[in-house]
């Protein structure tokens, strides 16, 4: 805490986060069967998921794939192959995205920002992205990374997450068909693991219906039902009580300082991923997780 501070550490795993092995052991029989079958397939091929010597990390990836595929093997197998085909998504690290994250286009504002049903939320300000200035892969990598980070946590990968897009200031200069198509495919979980259960489009311009129809036609019927057009004044119908404290300050009423949240997120992720030159923070992070696990075992005894 002295090295990072409370701000960055709010993005750390919670006390109730279980080890990957424990999560796997608690799967229902049909879920475990799907997991084992996918893992066997992955290990029988020259899989990107097998490059890491850490079996627990590999198991975590297989578990994520099966959860995001609703434990349907065929769906999970296709997703695994798609993910491997776009292996760059899996290899993305915060250090590579630091400049893009600092533009405050797409990020995790605060782990305390949740929906009424308890889903964690990530946030985007589309008006800060210009397809003719920044290549589409940059924002797609941004999205892939945020999804990956959020779904590391058991609750998010099990229950799903929510997405808030603040359309304030958005114009046709912030749109391109290729960017929109790639973004929606990623969001729906066709390219990388994703489990978005709610998509709020906030304060769209009055002429947005044309773009909205394009978006909806790119989505499956099931996912399209998760998309809602809402006013910022009506966010309380979807977000948990007290949400304004954690909502980015570029949304009407939001009190979370956007720059501070983004800086905290970057600092925490770079420390955990080993890109901050701070091996002490990495070792401390591992020790904290181990101590929490040991404390839980002692309590159970």
C-alpha atoms as a PDB file:
ATOM      1  CA  UNK A   1       0.000   0.000   0.000  1.00  0.00           C
ATOM      2  CA  UNK A   2       2.905   2.364   0.764  1.00  0.00           C
ATOM      3  CA  UNK A   3       4.414   1.728  -2.656  1.00  0.00           C
ATOM      4  CA  UNK A   4       1.249   2.018  -4.733  1.00  0.00           C
ATOM      5  CA  UNK A   5      -1.232   3.813  -2.493  1.00  0.00           C
ATOM      6  CA  UNK A   6      -4.918   3.130  -1.933  1.00  0.00           C
ATOM      7  CA  UNK A   7      -5.968   4.585  -5.281  1.00  0.00           C
ATOM      8  CA  UNK A   8      -4.252   2.021  -7.513  1.00  0.00           C
ATOM      9  CA  UNK A   9      -4.907  -0.833  -5.072  1.00  0.00           C
ATOM     10  CA  UNK A  10      -8.670  -0.420  -5.432  1.00  0.00           C
ATOM     11  CA  UNK A  11      -8.206  -2.305  -8.711  1.00  0.00           C
ATOM     12  CA  UNK A  12      -6.724  -5.335  -6.943  1.00  0.00           C
ATOM     13  CA  UNK A  13      -8.493  -8.633  -6.341  1.00  0.00           C
ATOM     14  CA  UNK A  14     -10.976  -8.632  -3.459  1.00  0.00           C
ATOM     15  CA  UNK A  15     -10.613 -10.674  -0.287  1.00  0.00           C
ATOM     16  CA  UNK A  16     -13.172 -13.208  -1.479  1.00  0.00           C
ATOM     17  CA  UNK A  17     -11.362 -13.986  -4.726  1.00  0.00           C
ATOM     18  CA  UNK A  18     -10.742 -17.731  -4.877  1.00  0.00           C
ATOM     19  CA  UNK A  19      -7.743 -19.480  -6.369  1.00  0.00           C
ATOM     20  CA  UNK A  20      -8.277 -20.828  -9.895  1.00  0.00           C
ATOM     21  CA  UNK A  21      -7.968 -24.406  -8.668  1.00  0.00           C
ATOM     22  CA  UNK A  22     -10.729 -23.873  -6.117  1.00  0.00           C
ATOM     23  CA  UNK A  23     -12.964 -22.313  -8.763  1.00  0.00           C
ATOM     24  CA  UNK A  24     -12.454 -25.311 -11.031  1.00  0.00           C
ATOM     25  CA  UNK A  25     -13.105 -27.780  -8.212  1.00  0.00           C
ATOM     26  CA  UNK A  26     -16.457 -26.121  -7.526  1.00  0.00           C
ATOM     27  CA  UNK A  27     -17.748 -26.493 -11.091  1.00  0.00           C
ATOM     28  CA  UNK A  28     -20.866 -28.557 -11.677  1.00  0.00           C
ATOM     29  CA  UNK A  29     -20.199 -31.911 -13.417  1.00  0.00           C
ATOM     30  CA  UNK A  30     -21.362 -30.693 -16.844  1.00  0.00           C
ATOM     31  CA  UNK A  31     -19.253 -27.548 -16.467  1.00  0.00           C
ATOM     32  CA  UNK A  32     -16.163 -29.524 -15.465  1.00  0.00           C
ATOM     33  CA  UNK A  33     -16.670 -31.841 -18.430  1.00  0.00           C
ATOM     34  CA  UNK A  34     -16.683 -28.863 -20.789  1.00  0.00           C
ATOM     35  CA  UNK A  35     -13.589 -27.385 -19.115  1.00  0.00           C
ATOM     36  CA  UNK A  36     -11.642 -30.676 -19.271  1.00  0.00           C
ATOM     37  CA  UNK A  37     -12.572 -31.252 -22.901  1.00  0.00           C
ATOM     38  CA  UNK A  38     -11.507 -27.746 -23.940  1.00  0.00           C
ATOM     39  CA  UNK A  39      -8.254 -28.019 -22.001  1.00  0.00           C
ATOM     40  CA  UNK A  40      -7.463 -31.347 -23.659  1.00  0.00           C
ATOM     41  CA  UNK A  41      -8.082 -29.784 -27.054  1.00  0.00           C
ATOM     42  CA  UNK A  42      -5.903 -26.793 -26.245  1.00  0.00           C
ATOM     43  CA  UNK A  43      -3.039 -28.949 -24.986  1.00  0.00           C
ATOM     44  CA  UNK A  44      -3.190 -31.207 -28.044  1.00  0.00           C
ATOM     45  CA  UNK A  45      -2.560 -28.333 -30.413  1.00  0.00           C
ATOM     46  CA  UNK A  46       0.201 -25.763 -30.661  1.00  0.00           C
ATOM     47  CA  UNK A  47      -1.859 -23.477 -28.482  1.00  0.00           C
ATOM     48  CA  UNK A  48      -0.946 -20.020 -27.324  1.00  0.00           C
ATOM     49  CA  UNK A  49      -2.591 -20.958 -24.026  1.00  0.00           C
ATOM     50  CA  UNK A  50       0.117 -23.575 -23.420  1.00  0.00           C
ATOM     51  CA  UNK A  51       3.115 -21.277 -23.796  1.00  0.00           C
ATOM     52  CA  UNK A  52       3.142 -20.275 -20.143  1.00  0.00           C
ATOM     53  CA  UNK A  53       4.758 -22.627 -17.600  1.00  0.00           C
ATOM     54  CA  UNK A  54       2.157 -21.623 -15.023  1.00  0.00           C
ATOM     55  CA  UNK A  55      -0.553 -24.295 -15.153  1.00  0.00           C
ATOM     56  CA  UNK A  56      -2.817 -22.235 -12.919  1.00  0.00           C
ATOM     57  CA  UNK A  57      -2.722 -19.355 -15.417  1.00  0.00           C
ATOM     58  CA  UNK A  58      -3.453 -21.697 -18.306  1.00  0.00           C
ATOM     59  CA  UNK A  59      -6.333 -23.228 -16.368  1.00  0.00           C
ATOM     60  CA  UNK A  60      -7.635 -19.743 -15.701  1.00  0.00           C
ATOM     61  CA  UNK A  61      -7.763 -19.038 -19.427  1.00  0.00           C
ATOM     62  CA  UNK A  62      -9.598 -22.271 -20.201  1.00  0.00           C
ATOM     63  CA  UNK A  63     -12.024 -21.513 -17.388  1.00  0.00           C
ATOM     64  CA  UNK A  64     -12.637 -18.032 -18.798  1.00  0.00           C
ATOM     65  CA  UNK A  65     -13.285 -19.413 -22.270  1.00  0.00           C
ATOM     66  CA  UNK A  66     -15.827 -21.931 -20.997  1.00  0.00           C
ATOM     67  CA  UNK A  67     -17.593 -19.396 -18.775  1.00  0.00           C
ATOM     68  CA  UNK A  68     -17.890 -16.875 -21.592  1.00  0.00           C
ATOM     69  CA  UNK A  69     -19.276 -19.642 -23.806  1.00  0.00           C
ATOM     70  CA  UNK A  70     -21.880 -20.664 -21.211  1.00  0.00           C
ATOM     71  CA  UNK A  71     -20.056 -24.014 -20.881  1.00  0.00           C
ATOM     72  CA  UNK A  72     -21.021 -24.987 -24.408  1.00  0.00           C
ATOM     73  CA  UNK A  73     -18.021 -26.873 -25.759  1.00  0.00           C
ATOM     74  CA  UNK A  74     -18.481 -26.146 -29.472  1.00  0.00           C
ATOM     75  CA  UNK A  75     -18.848 -22.435 -28.781  1.00  0.00           C
ATOM     76  CA  UNK A  76     -15.838 -22.439 -26.443  1.00  0.00           C
ATOM     77  CA  UNK A  77     -13.716 -24.303 -28.992  1.00  0.00           C
ATOM     78  CA  UNK A  78     -14.500 -21.776 -31.733  1.00  0.00           C
ATOM     79  CA  UNK A  79     -13.772 -18.881 -29.386  1.00  0.00           C
ATOM     80  CA  UNK A  80     -10.446 -20.442 -28.384  1.00  0.00           C
ATOM     81  CA  UNK A  81      -9.424 -20.769 -32.040  1.00  0.00           C
ATOM     82  CA  UNK A  82     -10.554 -17.220 -32.836  1.00  0.00           C
ATOM     83  CA  UNK A  83      -8.642 -15.908 -29.836  1.00  0.00           C
ATOM     84  CA  UNK A  84      -5.526 -17.795 -30.879  1.00  0.00           C
ATOM     85  CA  UNK A  85      -5.855 -16.562 -34.458  1.00  0.00           C
ATOM     86  CA  UNK A  86      -5.792 -13.023 -33.061  1.00  0.00           C
ATOM     87  CA  UNK A  87      -3.090 -13.899 -30.532  1.00  0.00           C
ATOM     88  CA  UNK A  88      -1.966 -10.281 -30.289  1.00  0.00           C
ATOM     89  CA  UNK A  89      -5.076  -9.595 -28.195  1.00  0.00           C
ATOM     90  CA  UNK A  90      -3.962 -12.103 -25.543  1.00  0.00           C
ATOM     91  CA  UNK A  91      -0.448 -10.645 -25.443  1.00  0.00           C
ATOM     92  CA  UNK A  92      -1.506  -7.018 -24.922  1.00  0.00           C
ATOM     93  CA  UNK A  93      -0.061  -5.377 -21.804  1.00  0.00           C
ATOM     94  CA  UNK A  94      -0.751  -2.052 -20.144  1.00  0.00           C
ATOM     95  CA  UNK A  95       2.660  -0.597 -21.057  1.00  0.00           C
ATOM     96  CA  UNK A  96       1.763  -0.868 -24.747  1.00  0.00           C
ATOM     97  CA  UNK A  97      -1.595   0.836 -24.197  1.00  0.00           C
ATOM     98  CA  UNK A  98      -0.504   3.504 -21.732  1.00  0.00           C
ATOM     99  CA  UNK A  99      -0.734   6.372 -24.225  1.00  0.00           C
ATOM    100  CA  UNK A 100      -4.123   5.203 -25.495  1.00  0.00           C
ATOM    101  CA  UNK A 101      -5.490   4.760 -21.956  1.00  0.00           C
ATOM    102  CA  UNK A 102      -4.321   8.260 -21.048  1.00  0.00           C
ATOM    103  CA  UNK A 103      -6.565   9.611 -23.811  1.00  0.00           C
ATOM    104  CA  UNK A 104      -9.459   8.519 -21.539  1.00  0.00           C
ATOM    105  CA  UNK A 105     -11.382   6.904 -24.378  1.00  0.00           C
ATOM    106  CA  UNK A 106     -12.143   3.524 -22.778  1.00  0.00           C
ATOM    107  CA  UNK A 107     -11.257   2.396 -19.258  1.00  0.00           C
ATOM    108  CA  UNK A 108     -12.445   1.008 -15.923  1.00  0.00           C
ATOM    109  CA  UNK A 109     -13.532   4.109 -13.969  1.00  0.00           C
ATOM    110  CA  UNK A 110     -13.827   2.511 -10.525  1.00  0.00           C
ATOM    111  CA  UNK A 111     -14.412  -1.047  -9.288  1.00  0.00           C
ATOM    112  CA  UNK A 112     -17.109   0.410  -7.037  1.00  0.00           C
ATOM    113  CA  UNK A 113     -19.240   1.442 -10.018  1.00  0.00           C
ATOM    114  CA  UNK A 114     -21.846  -1.296 -10.384  1.00  0.00           C
ATOM    115  CA  UNK A 115     -25.273  -1.906 -11.862  1.00  0.00           C
ATOM    116  CA  UNK A 116     -28.338  -2.501  -9.727  1.00  0.00           C
ATOM    117  CA  UNK A 117     -27.813  -6.229 -10.191  1.00  0.00           C
ATOM    118  CA  UNK A 118     -24.197  -5.926  -9.006  1.00  0.00           C
ATOM    119  CA  UNK A 119     -22.303  -6.079 -12.311  1.00  0.00           C
ATOM    120  CA  UNK A 120     -19.001  -4.238 -12.601  1.00  0.00           C
ATOM    121  CA  UNK A 121     -18.906  -1.469 -15.214  1.00  0.00           C
ATOM    122  CA  UNK A 122     -16.415  -0.263 -17.793  1.00  0.00           C
ATOM    123  CA  UNK A 123     -16.775   3.070 -19.522  1.00  0.00           C
ATOM    124  CA  UNK A 124     -16.187   4.762 -22.880  1.00  0.00           C
ATOM    125  CA  UNK A 125     -16.281   8.295 -24.204  1.00  0.00           C
ATOM    126  CA  UNK A 126     -16.610   7.667 -27.990  1.00  0.00           C
ATOM    127  CA  UNK A 127     -16.242  11.358 -28.831  1.00  0.00           C
ATOM    128  CA  UNK A 128     -12.559  11.112 -27.865  1.00  0.00           C
ATOM    129  CA  UNK A 129     -11.855   8.601 -30.617  1.00  0.00           C
ATOM    130  CA  UNK A 130     -11.357   9.706 -34.243  1.00  0.00           C
ATOM    131  CA  UNK A 131     -11.049   6.856 -36.777  1.00  0.00           C
ATOM    132  CA  UNK A 132      -9.248   9.056 -39.303  1.00  0.00           C
ATOM    133  CA  UNK A 133      -6.625  10.028 -36.716  1.00  0.00           C
ATOM    134  CA  UNK A 134      -6.130   6.854 -34.675  1.00  0.00           C
ATOM    135  CA  UNK A 135      -6.096   3.441 -36.414  1.00  0.00           C
ATOM    136  CA  UNK A 136      -9.016   1.175 -35.535  1.00  0.00           C
ATOM    137  CA  UNK A 137      -6.755  -1.582 -34.074  1.00  0.00           C
ATOM    138  CA  UNK A 138      -5.656   0.806 -31.341  1.00  0.00           C
ATOM    139  CA  UNK A 139      -9.129   1.218 -29.842  1.00  0.00           C
ATOM    140  CA  UNK A 140      -9.913  -2.461 -30.473  1.00  0.00           C
ATOM    141  CA  UNK A 141      -6.795  -3.408 -28.496  1.00  0.00           C
ATOM    142  CA  UNK A 142      -7.951  -0.993 -25.808  1.00  0.00           C
ATOM    143  CA  UNK A 143     -11.317  -2.778 -25.607  1.00  0.00           C
ATOM    144  CA  UNK A 144      -9.743  -6.243 -25.650  1.00  0.00           C
ATOM    145  CA  UNK A 145      -7.401  -5.339 -22.802  1.00  0.00           C
ATOM    146  CA  UNK A 146     -10.131  -3.868 -20.589  1.00  0.00           C
ATOM    147  CA  UNK A 147     -12.306  -6.940 -21.137  1.00  0.00           C
ATOM    148  CA  UNK A 148      -9.396  -9.222 -20.291  1.00  0.00           C
ATOM    149  CA  UNK A 149      -8.561  -7.333 -17.095  1.00  0.00           C
ATOM    150  CA  UNK A 150     -12.151  -7.206 -15.854  1.00  0.00           C
ATOM    151  CA  UNK A 151     -12.792 -10.877 -16.554  1.00  0.00           C
ATOM    152  CA  UNK A 152      -9.750 -11.928 -14.519  1.00  0.00           C
ATOM    153  CA  UNK A 153     -12.025 -11.639 -11.498  1.00  0.00           C
ATOM    154  CA  UNK A 154     -14.273 -14.570 -10.699  1.00  0.00           C
ATOM    155  CA  UNK A 155     -17.409 -12.520 -10.138  1.00  0.00           C
ATOM    156  CA  UNK A 156     -17.073 -10.756 -13.498  1.00  0.00           C
ATOM    157  CA  UNK A 157     -16.334 -13.898 -15.484  1.00  0.00           C
ATOM    158  CA  UNK A 158     -19.215 -15.703 -13.770  1.00  0.00           C
ATOM    159  CA  UNK A 159     -21.948 -13.055 -13.677  1.00  0.00           C
ATOM    160  CA  UNK A 160     -20.834 -10.764 -16.476  1.00  0.00           C
ATOM    161  CA  UNK A 161     -20.077  -7.055 -16.769  1.00  0.00           C
ATOM    162  CA  UNK A 162     -21.770  -3.876 -18.019  1.00  0.00           C
ATOM    163  CA  UNK A 163     -20.681  -1.217 -20.504  1.00  0.00           C
ATOM    164  CA  UNK A 164     -21.539   2.490 -20.367  1.00  0.00           C
ATOM    165  CA  UNK A 165     -20.895   4.587 -23.491  1.00  0.00           C
ATOM    166  CA  UNK A 166     -21.235   8.325 -22.867  1.00  0.00           C
ATOM    167  CA  UNK A 167     -22.176   9.850 -26.230  1.00  0.00           C
ATOM    168  CA  UNK A 168     -21.774  13.471 -25.170  1.00  0.00           C
ATOM    169  CA  UNK A 169     -20.062  15.469 -27.931  1.00  0.00           C
ATOM    170  CA  UNK A 170     -20.186  12.551 -30.385  1.00  0.00           C
ATOM    171  CA  UNK A 171     -20.372  13.422 -34.110  1.00  0.00           C
ATOM    172  CA  UNK A 172     -20.098  11.615 -37.436  1.00  0.00           C
ATOM    173  CA  UNK A 173     -16.322  12.276 -37.292  1.00  0.00           C
ATOM    174  CA  UNK A 174     -16.145   9.747 -34.436  1.00  0.00           C
ATOM    175  CA  UNK A 175     -17.669   6.986 -36.554  1.00  0.00           C
ATOM    176  CA  UNK A 176     -16.583   4.580 -39.247  1.00  0.00           C
ATOM    177  CA  UNK A 177     -18.271   1.400 -40.398  1.00  0.00           C
ATOM    178  CA  UNK A 178     -15.154  -0.778 -40.000  1.00  0.00           C
ATOM    179  CA  UNK A 179     -14.493   0.526 -36.498  1.00  0.00           C
ATOM    180  CA  UNK A 180     -18.114  -0.004 -35.466  1.00  0.00           C
ATOM    181  CA  UNK A 181     -18.216  -3.560 -36.864  1.00  0.00           C
ATOM    182  CA  UNK A 182     -14.932  -4.634 -35.239  1.00  0.00           C
ATOM    183  CA  UNK A 183     -15.916  -3.055 -31.937  1.00  0.00           C
ATOM    184  CA  UNK A 184     -19.309  -4.777 -31.805  1.00  0.00           C
ATOM    185  CA  UNK A 185     -17.867  -8.172 -32.720  1.00  0.00           C
ATOM    186  CA  UNK A 186     -15.339  -7.806 -29.906  1.00  0.00           C
ATOM    187  CA  UNK A 187     -17.967  -6.600 -27.445  1.00  0.00           C
ATOM    188  CA  UNK A 188     -20.265  -9.514 -28.222  1.00  0.00           C
ATOM    189  CA  UNK A 189     -17.491 -12.031 -27.550  1.00  0.00           C
ATOM    190  CA  UNK A 190     -16.929 -13.305 -31.087  1.00  0.00           C
ATOM    191  CA  UNK A 191     -13.184 -12.591 -31.074  1.00  0.00           C
ATOM    192  CA  UNK A 192     -12.025 -12.691 -27.446  1.00  0.00           C
ATOM    193  CA  UNK A 193     -13.760 -13.841 -24.250  1.00  0.00           C
ATOM    194  CA  UNK A 194     -16.421 -11.328 -23.250  1.00  0.00           C
ATOM    195  CA  UNK A 195     -19.510 -11.439 -21.101  1.00  0.00           C
ATOM    196  CA  UNK A 196     -21.272  -8.096 -21.479  1.00  0.00           C
ATOM    197  CA  UNK A 197     -24.766  -8.351 -19.996  1.00  0.00           C
ATOM    198  CA  UNK A 198     -25.781  -4.687 -20.289  1.00  0.00           C
ATOM    199  CA  UNK A 199     -24.805  -1.994 -22.798  1.00  0.00           C
ATOM    200  CA  UNK A 200     -25.978   1.541 -21.974  1.00  0.00           C
ATOM    201  CA  UNK A 201     -25.727   4.202 -24.692  1.00  0.00           C
ATOM    202  CA  UNK A 202     -26.012   7.450 -22.748  1.00  0.00           C
ATOM    203  CA  UNK A 203     -27.207  10.799 -24.113  1.00  0.00           C
ATOM    204  CA  UNK A 204     -27.002   9.977 -27.835  1.00  0.00           C
ATOM    205  CA  UNK A 205     -27.581  12.859 -30.300  1.00  0.00           C
ATOM    206  CA  UNK A 206     -31.101  13.264 -31.655  1.00  0.00           C
ATOM    207  CA  UNK A 207     -30.081  11.930 -35.079  1.00  0.00           C
ATOM    208  CA  UNK A 208     -28.440   8.793 -33.625  1.00  0.00           C
ATOM    209  CA  UNK A 209     -31.256   6.484 -34.761  1.00  0.00           C
ATOM    210  CA  UNK A 210     -29.520   5.905 -38.118  1.00  0.00           C
ATOM    211  CA  UNK A 211     -26.312   4.763 -36.403  1.00  0.00           C
ATOM    212  CA  UNK A 212     -28.267   2.809 -33.820  1.00  0.00           C
ATOM    213  CA  UNK A 213     -29.953   0.771 -36.550  1.00  0.00           C
ATOM    214  CA  UNK A 214     -26.547  -0.001 -38.069  1.00  0.00           C
ATOM    215  CA  UNK A 215     -25.253  -1.163 -34.684  1.00  0.00           C
ATOM    216  CA  UNK A 216     -28.271  -3.334 -33.928  1.00  0.00           C
ATOM    217  CA  UNK A 217     -28.057  -5.039 -37.313  1.00  0.00           C
ATOM    218  CA  UNK A 218     -24.448  -6.005 -36.540  1.00  0.00           C
ATOM    219  CA  UNK A 219     -25.452  -7.791 -33.331  1.00  0.00           C
ATOM    220  CA  UNK A 220     -27.137 -11.083 -32.628  1.00  0.00           C
ATOM    221  CA  UNK A 221     -30.774 -10.867 -31.594  1.00  0.00           C
ATOM    222  CA  UNK A 222     -29.850 -12.014 -28.082  1.00  0.00           C
ATOM    223  CA  UNK A 223     -27.130  -9.391 -27.590  1.00  0.00           C
ATOM    224  CA  UNK A 224     -29.223  -6.606 -29.146  1.00  0.00           C
ATOM    225  CA  UNK A 225     -31.698  -7.003 -26.274  1.00  0.00           C
ATOM    226  CA  UNK A 226     -28.955  -5.914 -23.865  1.00  0.00           C
ATOM    227  CA  UNK A 227     -28.540  -2.523 -25.569  1.00  0.00           C
ATOM    228  CA  UNK A 228     -30.407   0.425 -24.010  1.00  0.00           C
ATOM    229  CA  UNK A 229     -30.596   4.077 -25.071  1.00  0.00           C
ATOM    230  CA  UNK A 230     -30.798   6.173 -21.908  1.00  0.00           C
ATOM    231  CA  UNK A 231     -30.498   9.716 -20.622  1.00  0.00           C
ATOM    232  CA  UNK A 232     -27.759  10.453 -18.077  1.00  0.00           C
ATOM    233  CA  UNK A 233     -30.554  11.581 -15.749  1.00  0.00           C
ATOM    234  CA  UNK A 234     -32.040   8.075 -15.875  1.00  0.00           C
ATOM    235  CA  UNK A 235     -28.837   6.153 -15.117  1.00  0.00           C
ATOM    236  CA  UNK A 236     -30.132   5.529 -11.612  1.00  0.00           C
ATOM    237  CA  UNK A 237     -32.619   3.103 -13.163  1.00  0.00           C
ATOM    238  CA  UNK A 238     -29.687   0.862 -14.117  1.00  0.00           C
ATOM    239  CA  UNK A 239     -26.773   1.698 -11.812  1.00  0.00           C
ATOM    240  CA  UNK A 240     -26.536   0.907  -8.103  1.00  0.00           C
ATOM    241  CA  UNK A 241     -27.375   3.424  -5.396  1.00  0.00           C
ATOM    242  CA  UNK A 242     -24.577   5.946  -4.878  1.00  0.00           C
ATOM    243  CA  UNK A 243     -23.336   5.497  -8.451  1.00  0.00           C
ATOM    244  CA  UNK A 244     -22.611   9.201  -8.925  1.00  0.00           C
ATOM    245  CA  UNK A 245     -19.640   8.931  -6.531  1.00  0.00           C
ATOM    246  CA  UNK A 246     -17.974   6.457  -8.907  1.00  0.00           C
ATOM    247  CA  UNK A 247     -19.259   7.698 -12.265  1.00  0.00           C
ATOM    248  CA  UNK A 248     -16.647   9.611 -14.354  1.00  0.00           C
ATOM    249  CA  UNK A 249     -16.942  13.370 -13.952  1.00  0.00           C
ATOM    250  CA  UNK A 250     -17.491  13.913 -17.668  1.00  0.00           C
ATOM    251  CA  UNK A 251     -20.990  12.481 -17.219  1.00  0.00           C
ATOM    252  CA  UNK A 252     -23.583  14.843 -15.750  1.00  0.00           C
ATOM    253  CA  UNK A 253     -23.428  14.496 -11.957  1.00  0.00           C
ATOM    254  CA  UNK A 254     -20.431  12.141 -11.974  1.00  0.00           C
ATOM    255  CA  UNK A 255     -17.878  12.722  -9.195  1.00  0.00           C
ATOM    256  CA  UNK A 256     -15.099  10.281 -10.073  1.00  0.00           C
ATOM    257  CA  UNK A 257     -12.127  12.297 -11.354  1.00  0.00           C
ATOM    258  CA  UNK A 258     -11.425  10.669 -14.698  1.00  0.00           C
ATOM    259  CA  UNK A 259      -7.701  11.436 -14.890  1.00  0.00           C
ATOM    260  CA  UNK A 260      -7.091  10.125 -11.371  1.00  0.00           C
ATOM    261  CA  UNK A 261      -8.999   6.893 -12.077  1.00  0.00           C
ATOM    262  CA  UNK A 262      -7.101   6.269 -15.322  1.00  0.00           C
ATOM    263  CA  UNK A 263      -3.722   7.034 -13.719  1.00  0.00           C
ATOM    264  CA  UNK A 264      -4.493   4.700 -10.794  1.00  0.00           C
ATOM    265  CA  UNK A 265      -5.567   1.923 -13.163  1.00  0.00           C
ATOM    266  CA  UNK A 266      -2.410   2.270 -15.265  1.00  0.00           C
ATOM    267  CA  UNK A 267      -0.115   2.316 -12.236  1.00  0.00           C
ATOM    268  CA  UNK A 268      -1.677  -0.787 -10.721  1.00  0.00           C
ATOM    269  CA  UNK A 269      -1.687  -2.783 -13.950  1.00  0.00           C
ATOM    270  CA  UNK A 270       1.893  -1.891 -14.856  1.00  0.00           C
ATOM    271  CA  UNK A 271       3.049  -2.917 -11.387  1.00  0.00           C
ATOM    272  CA  UNK A 272       1.239  -6.257 -11.530  1.00  0.00           C
ATOM    273  CA  UNK A 273       2.355  -6.954 -15.102  1.00  0.00           C
ATOM    274  CA  UNK A 274       5.966  -6.111 -14.360  1.00  0.00           C
ATOM    275  CA  UNK A 275       6.240  -3.091 -16.607  1.00  0.00           C
ATOM    276  CA  UNK A 276       6.801  -0.520 -13.883  1.00  0.00           C
ATOM    277  CA  UNK A 277      10.253  -1.689 -12.899  1.00  0.00           C
ATOM    278  CA  UNK A 278       8.905  -2.346  -9.426  1.00  0.00           C
ATOM    279  CA  UNK A 279       9.623  -5.974  -8.564  1.00  0.00           C
ATOM    280  CA  UNK A 280       8.834  -5.222  -4.928  1.00  0.00           C
ATOM    281  CA  UNK A 281       5.233  -4.352  -5.792  1.00  0.00           C
ATOM    282  CA  UNK A 282       4.877  -7.569  -7.782  1.00  0.00           C
ATOM    283  CA  UNK A 283       6.214  -9.709  -4.951  1.00  0.00           C
ATOM    284  CA  UNK A 284       4.065  -7.830  -2.463  1.00  0.00           C
ATOM    285  CA  UNK A 285       0.977  -8.438  -4.593  1.00  0.00           C
ATOM    286  CA  UNK A 286       1.691 -12.177  -4.656  1.00  0.00           C
ATOM    287  CA  UNK A 287       2.306 -12.229  -0.901  1.00  0.00           C
ATOM    288  CA  UNK A 288      -0.974 -10.429  -0.208  1.00  0.00           C
ATOM    289  CA  UNK A 289      -2.917 -13.000  -2.228  1.00  0.00           C
ATOM    290  CA  UNK A 290      -1.105 -15.860  -0.459  1.00  0.00           C
ATOM    291  CA  UNK A 291      -1.708 -14.395   2.990  1.00  0.00           C
ATOM    292  CA  UNK A 292      -5.382 -13.868   2.293  1.00  0.00           C
ATOM    293  CA  UNK A 293      -5.653 -17.490   1.193  1.00  0.00           C
ATOM    294  CA  UNK A 294      -3.789 -18.731   4.278  1.00  0.00           C
ATOM    295  CA  UNK A 295      -5.936 -16.571   6.544  1.00  0.00           C
ATOM    296  CA  UNK A 296      -9.073 -18.071   5.022  1.00  0.00           C
ATOM    297  CA  UNK A 297      -7.755 -21.605   5.615  1.00  0.00           C
ATOM    298  CA  UNK A 298      -6.868 -20.754   9.217  1.00  0.00           C
ATOM    299  CA  UNK A 299     -10.316 -19.277   9.773  1.00  0.00           C
ATOM    300  CA  UNK A 300     -11.955 -22.440   8.403  1.00  0.00           C
ATOM    301  CA  UNK A 301      -9.915 -24.585  10.792  1.00  0.00           C
END
